[in-house]
Amino acid sequence: MKLRWQSRKEPVLTEPSTAKLYEDAQAHCDRWVLSTNAKLASLALPLRVMNLATVWTVLFKESGRYNWLLQYYLRAEGLTLSWVGTGRCMSSLDFTDGDYAEVQAKIIAAGQKMKSDGWWLDEKQHPAGEKARRWKLIGEMARSIVQAPRILEAAHIRKSGSLAG
């Protein structure tokens, strides 16, 4: 089976209508990104989407240990993303307003459910959240590099009931 452009002397990709198709698809995705980010911000969800042409990804506005759970919330909404890789998503050139609206609704619903389930605490719920996460991470990194003497570990276990503290 031959591709349509193979039988021509000049590839379809160089035709003006093809360039316009790609420009329109990018403009469509750009509008969707702006609209989605506005809705995410208005709902105080710590998510944003970002794109390059019709390739887009979900970004987190706040660091968190459990941000990876979003993929499960999205899957529960019927939006399945790749389980591995960089998190790039691609919209096909024939994505319609309805397709983008459906993806947007699923991202927003997943984000709202994840927030209501308590995975993202706001400043009121955890006033020193970012600072506490940073110090905990620094401590964990330090403990992974410099092993504490066994006597200190034993004392820490007796005091806190666990090594994790």
Protein backbone atom coordinates (compact mmCIF):
# COMPACT_ATOMS: atom_id res chain seq x y z
CA MET A 1 0.00 0.00 0.00
CA LYS A 2 1.39 3.39 -0.94
CA LEU A 3 1.02 6.49 1.13
CA ARG A 4 -0.85 9.21 -0.72
CA TRP A 5 2.13 11.52 -1.01
CA GLN A 6 4.45 8.81 -2.28
CA SER A 7 2.73 8.77 -5.64
CA ARG A 8 3.25 12.50 -6.14
CA LYS A 9 6.36 14.24 -7.29
CA GLU A 10 6.10 16.79 -4.49
CA PRO A 11 5.29 15.67 -0.93
CA VAL A 12 2.05 16.85 0.67
CA LEU A 13 4.04 18.30 3.57
CA THR A 14 5.22 21.16 1.37
CA GLU A 15 1.72 22.16 0.30
CA PRO A 16 0.37 25.38 1.85
CA SER A 17 -2.73 23.58 3.12
CA THR A 18 -0.56 21.23 5.21
CA ALA A 19 1.36 24.09 6.81
CA LYS A 20 -2.00 25.73 7.65
CA LEU A 21 -3.22 22.48 9.21
CA TYR A 22 -0.24 22.45 11.60
CA GLU A 23 -0.62 26.16 12.40
CA ASP A 24 -4.31 25.72 13.16
CA ALA A 25 -3.63 22.68 15.36
CA GLN A 26 -1.02 24.60 17.34
CA ALA A 27 -3.33 27.60 17.77
CA HIS A 28 -6.11 25.27 18.91
CA CYS A 29 -3.84 23.62 21.50
CA ASP A 30 -2.56 27.04 22.64
CA ARG A 31 -6.15 28.18 23.30
CA TRP A 32 -6.88 24.97 25.20
CA VAL A 33 -3.78 25.45 27.38
CA LEU A 34 -4.79 29.02 28.26
CA SER A 35 -8.36 28.00 29.03
CA THR A 36 -7.32 24.97 31.07
CA ASN A 37 -4.76 26.92 33.11
CA ALA A 38 -7.30 29.66 33.83
CA LYS A 39 -9.78 27.08 35.15
CA LEU A 40 -7.13 25.27 37.19
CA ALA A 41 -6.03 28.59 38.74
CA SER A 42 -9.62 29.65 39.50
CA LEU A 43 -10.15 26.36 41.36
CA ALA A 44 -6.84 26.78 43.25
CA LEU A 45 -5.53 23.48 41.91
CA PRO A 46 -1.72 23.21 41.92
CA LEU A 47 -1.65 22.01 38.31
CA ARG A 48 -0.90 23.68 35.00
CA VAL A 49 -0.59 22.39 31.47
CA MET A 50 2.10 23.52 29.07
CA ASN A 51 2.54 22.86 25.39
CA LEU A 52 4.88 23.05 22.45
CA ALA A 53 2.74 22.84 19.33
CA THR A 54 0.35 19.94 19.99
CA VAL A 55 2.62 18.20 22.50
CA TRP A 56 1.59 19.02 26.05
CA THR A 57 2.29 17.99 29.62
CA VAL A 58 0.91 18.49 33.12
CA LEU A 59 3.07 20.45 35.56
CA PHE A 60 2.75 20.78 39.33
CA LYS A 61 2.83 24.23 40.91
CA GLU A 62 3.86 22.79 44.27
CA SER A 63 6.36 20.13 45.13
CA GLY A 64 4.93 17.09 46.79
CA ARG A 65 5.73 13.50 47.49
CA TYR A 66 2.44 12.23 46.13
CA ASN A 67 2.07 14.20 42.90
CA TRP A 68 2.65 10.96 41.00
CA LEU A 69 -0.78 9.81 42.19
CA LEU A 70 -2.38 12.20 39.69
CA GLN A 71 -1.91 9.59 36.97
CA TYR A 72 -4.24 7.24 38.90
CA TYR A 73 -6.83 9.97 39.39
CA LEU A 74 -6.67 10.76 35.67
CA ARG A 75 -7.06 7.08 34.85
CA ALA A 76 -10.12 6.90 37.11
CA GLU A 77 -11.58 9.75 35.06
CA GLY A 78 -10.91 7.81 31.85
CA LEU A 79 -7.78 9.65 30.77
CA THR A 80 -4.93 7.17 30.47
CA LEU A 81 -1.43 8.59 30.21
CA SER A 82 1.78 6.73 29.63
CA TRP A 83 3.07 5.00 32.74
CA VAL A 84 6.67 5.69 31.84
CA GLY A 85 8.66 8.42 30.18
CA THR A 86 8.56 12.17 30.29
CA GLY A 87 4.82 12.68 30.58
CA ARG A 88 4.44 14.11 27.11
CA CYS A 89 0.97 13.93 25.63
CA MET A 90 0.23 14.52 21.99
CA SER A 91 -2.97 15.82 20.48
CA SER A 92 -3.65 14.64 16.97
CA LEU A 93 -4.16 17.18 14.21
CA ASP A 94 -7.87 16.39 14.07
CA PHE A 95 -8.54 17.09 17.78
CA THR A 96 -11.81 19.03 18.03
CA ASP A 97 -13.09 21.53 20.56
CA GLY A 98 -15.08 18.68 22.05
CA ASP A 99 -11.98 16.51 22.41
CA TYR A 100 -10.09 19.29 24.16
CA ALA A 101 -13.09 20.07 26.40
CA GLU A 102 -13.29 16.42 27.42
CA VAL A 103 -9.58 16.24 28.29
CA GLN A 104 -9.85 19.52 30.19
CA ALA A 105 -12.86 18.28 32.19
CA LYS A 106 -11.04 15.06 33.10
CA ILE A 107 -7.90 16.89 34.24
CA ILE A 108 -9.97 19.28 36.36
CA ALA A 109 -12.10 16.48 37.85
CA ALA A 110 -9.00 14.43 38.71
CA GLY A 111 -7.32 17.47 40.28
CA GLN A 112 -10.39 18.34 42.34
CA LYS A 113 -10.72 14.78 43.63
CA MET A 114 -7.04 14.56 44.45
CA LYS A 115 -7.23 17.84 46.35
CA SER A 116 -10.41 16.85 48.21
CA ASP A 117 -8.75 13.55 49.17
CA GLY A 118 -6.09 15.61 50.95
CA TRP A 119 -3.04 15.00 48.79
CA TRP A 120 -2.41 18.73 48.31
CA LEU A 121 -2.58 20.80 51.47
CA ASP A 122 -2.89 24.56 51.22
CA GLU A 123 -1.03 27.11 53.35
CA LYS A 124 -3.83 27.16 55.96
CA GLN A 125 -3.78 23.39 56.38
CA HIS A 126 0.00 23.14 56.51
CA PRO A 127 1.54 26.58 57.15
CA ALA A 128 5.17 25.50 56.90
CA GLY A 129 4.57 22.83 54.26
CA GLU A 130 7.15 23.77 51.64
CA LYS A 131 9.82 24.54 54.22
CA ALA A 132 9.11 21.31 56.11
CA ARG A 133 9.28 19.25 52.89
CA ARG A 134 12.60 20.81 51.95
CA TRP A 135 14.16 20.14 55.36
CA LYS A 136 12.83 16.57 55.38
CA LEU A 137 14.28 16.00 51.91
CA ILE A 138 17.64 17.49 52.93
CA GLY A 139 17.68 15.24 56.01
CA GLU A 140 16.88 12.15 53.96
CA MET A 141 19.57 12.99 51.44
CA ALA A 142 22.11 13.58 54.19
CA ARG A 143 21.22 10.27 55.88
CA SER A 144 21.60 8.43 52.58
CA ILE A 145 25.09 9.89 52.10
CA VAL A 146 26.38 9.81 55.68
CA GLN A 147 25.43 6.75 57.65
CA ALA A 148 24.72 7.45 61.32
CA PRO A 149 26.58 5.33 63.87
CA ARG A 150 24.48 2.34 65.00
CA ILE A 151 24.26 3.67 68.55
CA LEU A 152 22.51 6.83 67.30
CA GLU A 153 20.12 4.79 65.16
CA ALA A 154 19.21 2.62 68.15
CA ALA A 155 18.57 5.70 70.31
CA HIS A 156 16.44 7.24 67.57
CA ILE A 157 14.38 4.06 67.24
CA ARG A 158 13.74 3.94 71.01
CA LYS A 159 12.73 7.62 71.03
CA SER A 160 10.43 7.71 68.01
CA GLY A 161 9.41 4.10 67.62
CA SER A 162 10.77 3.91 64.07
CA LEU A 163 13.86 4.70 62.09
CA ALA A 164 11.92 7.02 59.77
CA GLY A 165 11.09 9.35 62.67
